[in-house]
Amino acid sequence: MRLFAASVFIIAASCPALAQSTTIAQNLPFPAVLDPTSGYNVQDGTFSDALQSDGNYFYSQAIGQSFSVASGQSSTITDIAFWGSSEYIQSSTPWNQTALSSNIISMQIAILRTDTGTSDFPIVHSWTIQTGQFSQVLTGNYTAETFSPVFRLSSALAGNFTLSAGNYMITIGGVLNNPDGDSFAWTDGIADGSVPATQAYATVGDTPTEWGTWIAIPDGTSGAFVLNGVTVPAPGAIALLAMAGLRGRRRRDR
């Protein structure tokens, strides 16, 4: 698992004749590769903390992916799926785990508005969901180097929150019991930054004033997710631009 890198991904969803459930944005997982030493199929991931951590966790970073709702349209969010893993610092056999670490007590999923003209993007809506309320399905793949299992996590997003036209960003991060304990890592998506799209952003908390100020980050790895909802019909299409991924900022001593 790693820190610091980013990527961009674009999906265009045509407007249907009638409002219906559709994918608002997605970045599917990068295919696993066989690790010849362990014999496991492995994927990489990027550490991402909940925004509500205020930069006070060990890795002190949050990542996000940008997307846009086209002029004249709106999308009501219904549910989400994403792929991720966790550290198991105290376990000598992390590959035997069947759920995310108990140190990750919940996940925060937040939507931010990015077309404000500043680097301090306001949160327009946020869901904090207890980890046990997610469907956690073992994928059969493992995180490179640590061999923590990769899960597909999914949940409804309550409230029928509707996004009007504009530019947004989604962030997904772990809420931790012990700020220096096991952290959440977002599994890499297939986006690699080769498709021109919106800029990737990150916020870090190395100093108290940094957290909440979003900075552009280079192309690289992205987080795997699918965001679903109901799109209200209107002329044109919803342009969906997803990006993410920080790696290499900080590592634990082992």
Protein backbone atom coordinates (compact mmCIF):
# COMPACT_ATOMS: atom_id res chain seq x y z
CA MET A 1 0.00 0.00 0.00
CA ARG A 2 1.26 3.46 -0.75
CA LEU A 3 0.85 7.21 -0.79
CA PHE A 4 1.25 10.00 -3.31
CA ALA A 5 0.29 9.73 -6.98
CA ALA A 6 -2.81 10.59 -8.90
CA SER A 7 -4.73 9.85 -12.03
CA VAL A 8 -7.61 11.03 -14.13
CA PHE A 9 -10.52 9.07 -15.56
CA ILE A 10 -13.48 10.17 -17.66
CA ILE A 11 -16.87 8.61 -18.24
CA ALA A 12 -19.66 10.19 -20.26
CA ALA A 13 -23.22 9.13 -19.49
CA SER A 14 -25.79 10.05 -22.10
CA CYS A 15 -29.08 11.45 -20.88
CA PRO A 16 -31.82 8.80 -20.91
CA ALA A 17 -35.31 9.46 -22.18
CA LEU A 18 -36.68 8.98 -18.67
CA ALA A 19 -35.07 9.31 -15.26
CA GLN A 20 -33.58 5.98 -14.24
CA SER A 21 -30.90 4.49 -12.04
CA THR A 22 -27.54 4.94 -13.68
CA THR A 23 -23.84 5.14 -12.96
CA ILE A 24 -22.93 8.70 -12.08
CA ALA A 25 -19.18 8.00 -12.02
CA GLN A 26 -16.95 4.94 -11.90
CA ASN A 27 -13.35 3.81 -11.94
CA LEU A 28 -13.22 0.01 -11.86
CA PRO A 29 -10.35 -1.81 -10.09
CA PHE A 30 -7.08 -2.31 -11.88
CA PRO A 31 -6.74 -6.05 -12.59
CA ALA A 32 -4.75 -8.06 -10.07
CA VAL A 33 -1.40 -9.53 -11.05
CA LEU A 34 0.17 -12.75 -9.81
CA ASP A 35 2.90 -12.33 -7.21
CA PRO A 36 5.38 -15.13 -8.01
CA THR A 37 6.76 -15.33 -4.48
CA SER A 38 3.51 -15.65 -2.53
CA GLY A 39 1.33 -17.09 -5.27
CA TYR A 40 -1.32 -14.46 -4.47
CA ASN A 41 -3.08 -12.21 -6.96
CA VAL A 42 -2.18 -8.72 -5.78
CA GLN A 43 -3.38 -5.14 -6.27
CA ASP A 44 -2.01 -1.90 -4.94
CA GLY A 45 -3.78 0.79 -2.98
CA THR A 46 -3.50 4.32 -1.62
CA PHE A 47 -4.00 5.42 1.99
CA SER A 48 -6.94 7.79 2.45
CA ASP A 49 -8.20 9.26 5.73
CA ALA A 50 -11.65 10.65 6.52
CA LEU A 51 -11.95 14.41 6.12
CA GLN A 52 -13.23 14.63 9.69
CA SER A 53 -9.81 13.43 10.90
CA ASP A 54 -8.54 17.01 10.36
CA GLY A 55 -5.16 15.61 9.34
CA ASN A 56 -4.50 14.06 12.75
CA TYR A 57 -3.99 10.44 11.65
CA PHE A 58 -0.67 8.73 10.96
CA TYR A 59 -0.70 9.14 7.18
CA SER A 60 -2.44 12.51 7.37
CA GLN A 61 -3.85 12.63 3.85
CA ALA A 62 -7.15 12.42 2.02
CA ILE A 63 -7.65 11.89 -1.69
CA GLY A 64 -10.54 12.55 -4.01
CA GLN A 65 -11.83 12.22 -7.54
CA SER A 66 -13.49 15.00 -9.52
CA PHE A 67 -16.66 14.74 -11.57
CA SER A 68 -19.09 17.18 -13.18
CA VAL A 69 -22.86 17.37 -13.59
CA ALA A 70 -23.67 19.04 -16.91
CA SER A 71 -25.67 22.22 -17.24
CA GLY A 72 -29.43 21.63 -17.07
CA GLN A 73 -29.14 18.25 -15.34
CA SER A 74 -29.20 16.92 -11.80
CA SER A 75 -28.36 13.57 -10.22
CA THR A 76 -29.79 12.07 -7.04
CA ILE A 77 -27.25 9.79 -5.34
CA THR A 78 -28.55 6.39 -4.23
CA ASP A 79 -25.63 4.05 -3.45
CA ILE A 80 -21.92 3.41 -3.77
CA ALA A 81 -19.46 0.56 -4.12
CA PHE A 82 -15.71 0.84 -3.74
CA TRP A 83 -12.70 -1.41 -3.29
CA GLY A 84 -10.23 -1.22 -0.45
CA SER A 85 -8.15 -2.91 2.20
CA SER A 86 -6.65 -2.12 5.57
CA GLU A 87 -3.50 -2.58 7.53
CA TYR A 88 -3.34 -5.28 10.19
CA ILE A 89 -0.26 -4.07 12.05
CA GLN A 90 -0.59 -6.57 14.91
CA SER A 91 -1.27 -9.58 12.69
CA SER A 92 1.45 -11.87 11.36
CA THR A 93 -1.05 -13.43 8.93
CA PRO A 94 -3.10 -10.55 7.51
CA TRP A 95 -4.23 -12.70 4.59
CA ASN A 96 -6.52 -14.63 6.96
CA GLN A 97 -8.68 -11.57 7.76
CA THR A 98 -12.32 -11.56 6.65
CA ALA A 99 -13.19 -7.89 7.29
CA LEU A 100 -11.48 -4.53 7.49
CA SER A 101 -9.51 -3.87 10.66
CA SER A 102 -11.65 -3.07 13.68
CA ASN A 103 -9.60 0.12 14.05
CA ILE A 104 -11.55 1.48 11.06
CA ILE A 105 -14.79 2.19 12.89
CA SER A 106 -16.54 3.90 9.99
CA MET A 107 -16.05 5.31 6.50
CA GLN A 108 -16.67 8.92 5.52
CA ILE A 109 -17.86 9.54 1.97
CA ALA A 110 -18.06 13.23 1.12
CA ILE A 111 -19.01 15.33 -1.90
CA LEU A 112 -17.25 18.67 -2.26
CA ARG A 113 -17.89 21.57 -4.61
CA THR A 114 -14.78 22.41 -6.63
CA ASP A 115 -15.88 25.36 -8.77
CA THR A 116 -15.61 27.91 -5.97
CA GLY A 117 -12.58 29.77 -7.29
CA THR A 118 -10.47 28.81 -4.26
CA SER A 119 -8.53 25.74 -3.12
CA ASP A 120 -10.73 25.36 -0.02
CA PHE A 121 -13.49 23.21 -1.47
CA PRO A 122 -16.66 23.23 0.69
CA ILE A 123 -18.38 19.97 1.63
CA VAL A 124 -21.89 19.94 0.17
CA HIS A 125 -22.86 16.57 1.64
CA SER A 126 -21.24 13.84 3.70
CA TRP A 127 -22.15 10.34 4.86
CA THR A 128 -20.40 8.64 7.78
CA ILE A 129 -21.33 4.97 7.82
CA GLN A 130 -20.22 2.41 10.39
CA THR A 131 -17.91 -0.12 8.82
CA GLY A 132 -20.09 -3.00 9.96
CA GLN A 133 -23.00 -1.63 7.93
CA PHE A 134 -21.15 -2.06 4.65
CA SER A 135 -21.41 -5.23 2.65
CA GLN A 136 -17.79 -6.43 2.71
CA VAL A 137 -17.08 -9.06 0.07
CA LEU A 138 -13.68 -10.71 -0.24
CA THR A 139 -12.46 -10.37 -3.82
CA GLY A 140 -9.85 -13.12 -3.60
CA ASN A 141 -7.11 -10.57 -4.24
CA TYR A 142 -4.57 -9.16 -1.81
CA THR A 143 -2.70 -5.91 -1.35
CA ALA A 144 0.86 -5.98 -2.65
CA GLU A 145 3.63 -6.40 -0.05
CA THR A 146 1.38 -6.66 3.03
CA PHE A 147 -1.00 -9.30 1.59
CA SER A 148 -4.02 -7.77 3.29
CA PRO A 149 -7.22 -8.97 1.57
CA VAL A 150 -9.01 -6.62 -0.81
CA PHE A 151 -12.76 -6.11 -0.24
CA ARG A 152 -15.58 -4.78 -2.35
CA LEU A 153 -17.55 -2.54 0.01
CA SER A 154 -21.03 -1.31 -0.83
CA SER A 155 -23.80 0.62 0.88
CA ALA A 156 -26.88 2.69 0.21
CA LEU A 157 -26.35 6.43 0.66
CA ALA A 158 -29.38 7.74 2.52
CA GLY A 159 -31.08 11.08 2.12
CA ASN A 160 -31.78 11.26 -1.62
CA PHE A 161 -29.16 13.97 -1.94
CA THR A 162 -29.34 15.67 -5.33
CA LEU A 163 -26.46 17.30 -7.15
CA SER A 164 -27.27 20.22 -9.41
CA ALA A 165 -25.11 21.20 -12.36
CA GLY A 166 -21.53 21.96 -11.43
CA ASN A 167 -18.11 20.55 -10.63
CA TYR A 168 -17.63 18.23 -7.66
CA MET A 169 -15.23 15.83 -6.00
CA ILE A 170 -15.85 12.63 -4.05
CA THR A 171 -13.58 11.56 -1.21
CA ILE A 172 -13.57 8.22 0.63
CA GLY A 173 -11.59 7.74 3.84
CA GLY A 174 -11.43 5.78 7.05
CA VAL A 175 -12.49 7.03 10.49
CA LEU A 176 -10.04 5.47 12.95
CA ASN A 177 -10.32 4.54 16.62
CA ASN A 178 -6.56 4.80 17.16
CA PRO A 179 -5.15 7.56 14.92
CA ASP A 180 -1.82 5.74 14.71
CA GLY A 181 -3.37 2.32 14.17
CA ASP A 182 -4.48 0.37 11.11
CA SER A 183 -5.47 2.65 8.22
CA PHE A 184 -7.69 2.30 5.16
CA ALA A 185 -6.20 1.97 1.67
CA TRP A 186 -8.25 2.64 -1.45
CA THR A 187 -7.57 0.01 -4.13
CA ASP A 188 -6.19 1.24 -7.45
CA GLY A 189 -8.59 1.85 -10.33
CA ILE A 190 -7.88 1.36 -14.00
CA ALA A 191 -7.45 5.08 -14.65
CA ASP A 192 -3.77 5.86 -15.18
CA GLY A 193 -3.83 9.53 -16.06
CA SER A 194 -3.51 8.95 -19.79
CA VAL A 195 -6.98 10.38 -20.50
CA PRO A 196 -7.15 14.20 -20.33
CA ALA A 197 -9.77 15.21 -17.78
CA THR A 198 -10.13 17.27 -14.63
CA GLN A 199 -7.28 17.76 -12.18
CA ALA A 200 -6.65 15.39 -9.29
CA TYR A 201 -6.55 16.90 -5.79
CA ALA A 202 -5.36 15.97 -2.32
CA THR A 203 -5.24 17.50 1.13
CA VAL A 204 -2.50 16.73 3.64
CA GLY A 205 -2.05 17.60 7.29
CA ASP A 206 1.66 17.97 7.89
CA THR A 207 0.96 21.40 9.38
CA PRO A 208 -2.29 22.50 11.07
CA THR A 209 -3.14 25.04 8.35
CA GLU A 210 -2.79 22.61 5.43
CA TRP A 211 -5.79 20.35 6.06
CA GLY A 212 -8.79 21.30 3.96
CA THR A 213 -6.72 23.11 1.35
CA TRP A 214 -6.69 20.99 -1.78
CA ILE A 215 -3.63 20.81 -3.99
CA ALA A 216 -3.23 19.51 -7.51
CA ILE A 217 -1.30 16.24 -7.64
CA PRO A 218 0.47 14.51 -10.54
CA ASP A 219 -1.08 11.81 -12.66
CA GLY A 220 -0.72 8.27 -11.37
CA THR A 221 -2.89 5.84 -9.47
CA SER A 222 -6.62 6.21 -8.75
CA GLY A 223 -9.20 4.81 -6.33
CA ALA A 224 -11.69 2.18 -7.51
CA PHE A 225 -15.38 3.01 -7.03
CA VAL A 226 -18.83 3.10 -8.60
CA LEU A 227 -21.26 5.89 -7.65
CA ASN A 228 -24.89 5.30 -8.63
CA GLY A 229 -27.96 7.49 -8.73
CA VAL A 230 -30.95 8.75 -10.66
CA THR A 231 -30.31 11.32 -13.36
CA VAL A 232 -33.10 13.76 -14.17
CA PRO A 233 -33.49 14.03 -17.96
CA ALA A 234 -32.26 17.17 -19.65
CA PRO A 235 -30.56 18.07 -22.93
CA GLY A 236 -26.96 16.94 -23.20
CA ALA A 237 -25.04 14.51 -21.04
CA ILE A 238 -23.45 14.24 -17.64
CA ALA A 239 -19.69 14.44 -18.01
CA LEU A 240 -18.15 12.31 -15.32
CA LEU A 241 -14.55 12.81 -14.52
CA ALA A 242 -12.96 10.64 -11.82
CA MET A 243 -9.45 10.89 -10.46
CA ALA A 244 -7.44 10.11 -7.40
CA GLY A 245 -4.50 8.60 -5.69
CA LEU A 246 -1.69 9.74 -3.47
CA ARG A 247 1.28 7.58 -2.69
CA GLY A 248 4.74 7.61 -1.29
CA ARG A 249 4.41 10.45 1.27
CA ARG A 250 5.02 8.47 4.41
CA ARG A 251 5.73 4.90 5.42
CA ARG A 252 5.66 3.07 8.70
CA ASP A 253 8.85 1.66 10.18
CA ARG A 254 8.62 -2.11 10.27
